Amino acid sequence: MRVMAEKRLSNGRVIKVILGDITEEETDAIVNAANSHLKHGGGVAGAIVRKGGRIIQEESDRIGYCPVGKAVYTSAGKLKAKYVIHAVGPRWGEGDEERKLRSAVRSALEVATQLGLKSVAIPAISTGIFGYPKREGTKVILDEVVKFLKGEDTTLEEVHLTNIDEETTKLFVEHLEGVEP
């Protein structure tokens, strides 16, 4: 895990861009870029279940469904985090993608706040197999995180934008440089 950039907002809350495996994060929760049926077979979702254990999929199966733009949570099994927040972003081309991606990010942050968490790690939701263009998607995600941390009554003190690939990480760093504290 390498911190590639960090920004402290005027209210003391911190945003970090991390290059590394989100399943290794020691934040209170990690966010999974999930599908609506909460079937965690591939990508980040598959890695989370492989590392955290079947319990994550079993709890997801009990929840059953989460609409696009929303988030739900399960325990984190054997992961270092306490919870996995499953956020369902849009597939590129389905329409109204930016609003849906903003909603998914906001919903994940709201769930973390409802759980009373202090820290959460978020991947670049929808920018992998869901096809959302990385440059635009990372900008939308960061914008929504900044807006939430600056304006909401939240228990969150720190948000990590955690990704394993350098391209996505560099885009988050670039966008973070333009954020006013």
Protein backbone atom coordinates (compact mmCIF):
# COMPACT_ATOMS: atom_id res chain seq x y z
CA MET A 1 0.00 0.00 0.00
CA ARG A 2 1.49 3.29 -1.10
CA VAL A 3 0.00 6.70 -0.34
CA MET A 4 0.33 8.56 -3.64
CA ALA A 5 -1.43 11.78 -2.58
CA GLU A 6 -3.18 13.20 0.46
CA LYS A 7 -5.34 16.25 1.07
CA ARG A 8 -6.66 17.54 4.38
CA LEU A 9 -9.91 19.48 4.01
CA SER A 10 -10.55 22.65 6.00
CA ASN A 11 -12.73 20.67 8.45
CA GLY A 12 -9.86 18.26 9.19
CA ARG A 13 -11.18 15.31 7.18
CA VAL A 14 -8.60 13.58 4.98
CA ILE A 15 -8.69 12.09 1.48
CA LYS A 16 -5.84 9.78 0.45
CA VAL A 17 -5.12 8.22 -2.92
CA ILE A 18 -3.68 4.74 -2.36
CA LEU A 19 -1.96 2.45 -4.86
CA GLY A 20 -2.57 -1.06 -3.60
CA ASP A 21 -4.91 -3.96 -2.99
CA ILE A 22 -8.17 -2.77 -1.38
CA THR A 23 -8.52 -6.16 0.36
CA GLU A 24 -5.41 -5.24 2.40
CA GLU A 25 -6.82 -1.91 3.62
CA GLU A 26 -7.06 -1.47 7.39
CA THR A 27 -9.90 1.06 7.16
CA ASP A 28 -13.13 0.37 9.09
CA ALA A 29 -14.80 -0.64 5.81
CA ILE A 30 -13.92 -1.22 2.20
CA VAL A 31 -16.30 -0.56 -0.66
CA ASN A 32 -16.97 -3.26 -3.19
CA ALA A 33 -17.94 -2.28 -6.73
CA ALA A 34 -20.89 -4.68 -6.84
CA ASN A 35 -23.59 -5.72 -9.29
CA SER A 36 -27.28 -5.44 -8.40
CA HIS A 37 -27.63 -9.16 -7.66
CA LEU A 38 -24.64 -9.02 -5.27
CA LYS A 39 -22.94 -11.96 -6.99
CA HIS A 40 -19.24 -11.43 -6.35
CA GLY A 41 -17.52 -13.52 -9.01
CA GLY A 42 -14.96 -11.35 -10.77
CA GLY A 43 -12.88 -8.20 -10.47
CA VAL A 44 -12.63 -6.47 -7.09
CA ALA A 45 -15.76 -8.28 -5.86
CA GLY A 46 -14.27 -11.71 -6.56
CA ALA A 47 -11.00 -10.77 -4.86
CA ILE A 48 -12.87 -9.54 -1.78
CA VAL A 49 -14.77 -12.83 -1.40
CA ARG A 50 -11.69 -14.96 -2.11
CA LYS A 51 -9.71 -13.15 0.59
CA GLY A 52 -12.52 -12.44 3.07
CA GLY A 53 -14.27 -15.79 2.82
CA ARG A 54 -17.63 -17.25 1.76
CA ILE A 55 -19.45 -15.42 4.58
CA ILE A 56 -19.40 -12.23 2.48
CA GLN A 57 -21.20 -13.95 -0.41
CA GLU A 58 -23.57 -15.74 1.99
CA GLU A 59 -24.58 -12.47 3.66
CA SER A 60 -24.95 -10.85 0.23
CA ASP A 61 -27.21 -13.71 -0.87
CA ARG A 62 -29.44 -13.04 2.15
CA ILE A 63 -29.72 -9.37 1.11
CA GLY A 64 -30.38 -10.56 -2.45
CA TYR A 65 -30.58 -7.33 -4.42
CA CYS A 66 -29.36 -3.74 -4.41
CA PRO A 67 -30.49 -1.24 -7.08
CA VAL A 68 -28.05 0.75 -9.18
CA GLY A 69 -27.00 3.88 -7.31
CA LYS A 70 -27.45 2.36 -3.85
CA ALA A 71 -25.28 0.50 -1.33
CA VAL A 72 -25.71 -2.19 1.33
CA TYR A 73 -23.24 -3.78 3.74
CA THR A 74 -22.07 -7.14 5.01
CA SER A 75 -19.42 -8.19 7.48
CA ALA A 76 -15.89 -8.42 6.10
CA GLY A 77 -15.13 -12.02 7.06
CA LYS A 78 -11.37 -12.52 7.35
CA LEU A 79 -10.46 -9.10 5.91
CA LYS A 80 -8.74 -6.44 8.06
CA ALA A 81 -11.77 -4.15 7.63
CA LYS A 82 -14.89 -4.68 9.77
CA TYR A 83 -17.39 -4.24 6.93
CA VAL A 84 -17.75 -4.47 3.17
CA ILE A 85 -20.06 -1.84 1.72
CA HIS A 86 -21.41 -3.07 -1.62
CA ALA A 87 -22.07 -0.09 -3.91
CA VAL A 88 -23.77 -0.68 -7.25
CA GLY A 89 -22.58 1.72 -9.92
CA PRO A 90 -23.93 2.03 -13.45
CA ARG A 91 -22.85 0.16 -16.57
CA TRP A 92 -21.61 2.57 -19.22
CA GLY A 93 -24.31 3.00 -21.86
CA GLU A 94 -27.35 2.33 -19.66
CA GLY A 95 -28.18 6.04 -19.44
CA ASP A 96 -27.93 8.68 -16.70
CA GLU A 97 -24.57 7.20 -15.66
CA GLU A 98 -23.14 10.25 -13.87
CA ARG A 99 -26.15 10.68 -11.58
CA LYS A 100 -26.16 6.94 -10.81
CA LEU A 101 -22.42 6.87 -10.05
CA ARG A 102 -22.74 9.92 -7.77
CA SER A 103 -25.64 8.22 -6.01
CA ALA A 104 -23.68 4.96 -5.52
CA VAL A 105 -20.73 6.82 -3.97
CA ARG A 106 -22.98 8.96 -1.76
CA SER A 107 -24.95 5.89 -0.68
CA ALA A 108 -21.72 4.06 0.31
CA LEU A 109 -20.61 7.08 2.38
CA GLU A 110 -24.07 7.30 3.99
CA VAL A 111 -23.91 3.60 4.95
CA ALA A 112 -20.45 4.15 6.49
CA THR A 113 -21.86 7.08 8.48
CA GLN A 114 -24.90 5.07 9.64
CA LEU A 115 -22.46 2.41 10.91
CA GLY A 116 -20.53 5.12 12.79
CA LEU A 117 -17.31 4.43 10.90
CA LYS A 118 -14.25 6.70 10.88
CA SER A 119 -12.54 5.41 7.71
CA VAL A 120 -13.48 3.80 4.40
CA ALA A 121 -11.62 2.74 1.26
CA ILE A 122 -13.35 3.16 -2.11
CA PRO A 123 -12.30 1.74 -5.49
CA ALA A 124 -13.02 3.35 -8.86
CA ILE A 125 -16.62 2.10 -8.98
CA SER A 126 -17.95 1.31 -12.50
CA THR A 127 -14.63 2.03 -14.28
CA GLY A 128 -13.63 -1.61 -14.68
CA ILE A 129 -15.84 -4.19 -16.38
CA PHE A 130 -18.83 -1.80 -16.21
CA GLY A 131 -17.00 0.37 -18.76
CA TYR A 132 -17.33 3.87 -17.27
CA PRO A 133 -14.47 5.92 -18.78
CA LYS A 134 -11.72 6.09 -16.12
CA ARG A 135 -10.95 9.82 -16.39
CA GLU A 136 -14.59 10.86 -16.05
CA GLY A 137 -15.44 8.19 -13.49
CA THR A 138 -12.57 9.03 -11.14
CA LYS A 139 -13.49 12.73 -11.32
CA VAL A 140 -17.14 12.01 -10.46
CA ILE A 141 -16.16 9.72 -7.55
CA LEU A 142 -13.71 12.24 -6.09
CA ASP A 143 -16.16 15.12 -6.52
CA GLU A 144 -18.84 13.21 -4.63
CA VAL A 145 -16.42 12.23 -1.82
CA VAL A 146 -15.27 15.85 -1.41
CA LYS A 147 -18.85 17.15 -1.44
CA PHE A 148 -19.91 14.59 1.17
CA LEU A 149 -16.95 15.19 3.48
CA LYS A 150 -17.28 18.97 3.25
CA GLY A 151 -21.02 19.18 3.71
CA GLU A 152 -22.46 16.21 5.50
CA ASP A 153 -22.82 15.43 9.16
CA THR A 154 -20.68 12.31 9.12
CA THR A 155 -18.55 10.22 11.44
CA LEU A 156 -16.04 9.70 8.61
CA GLU A 157 -12.63 11.26 9.18
CA GLU A 158 -10.71 9.62 6.34
CA VAL A 159 -11.55 8.30 2.87
CA HIS A 160 -9.06 6.31 0.82
CA LEU A 161 -9.42 6.09 -2.96
CA THR A 162 -7.72 2.72 -3.32
CA ASN A 163 -6.87 1.05 -6.60
CA ILE A 164 -4.44 -1.60 -7.72
CA ASP A 165 -3.78 -0.14 -11.17
CA GLU A 166 -1.47 2.81 -11.73
CA GLU A 167 -3.57 4.49 -14.44
CA THR A 168 -6.59 4.87 -12.16
CA THR A 169 -4.40 5.92 -9.23
CA LYS A 170 -2.70 8.62 -11.34
CA LEU A 171 -6.10 9.98 -12.41
CA PHE A 172 -7.24 10.23 -8.78
CA VAL A 173 -3.95 12.02 -7.88
CA GLU A 174 -4.44 14.45 -10.79
CA HIS A 175 -8.03 15.23 -9.75
CA LEU A 176 -7.11 15.56 -6.05
CA GLU A 177 -4.49 18.22 -6.87
CA GLY A 178 -7.34 20.47 -8.06
CA VAL A 179 -9.45 20.13 -4.90
CA GLU A 180 -9.72 23.20 -2.69
CA PRO A 181 -9.29 22.28 0.99
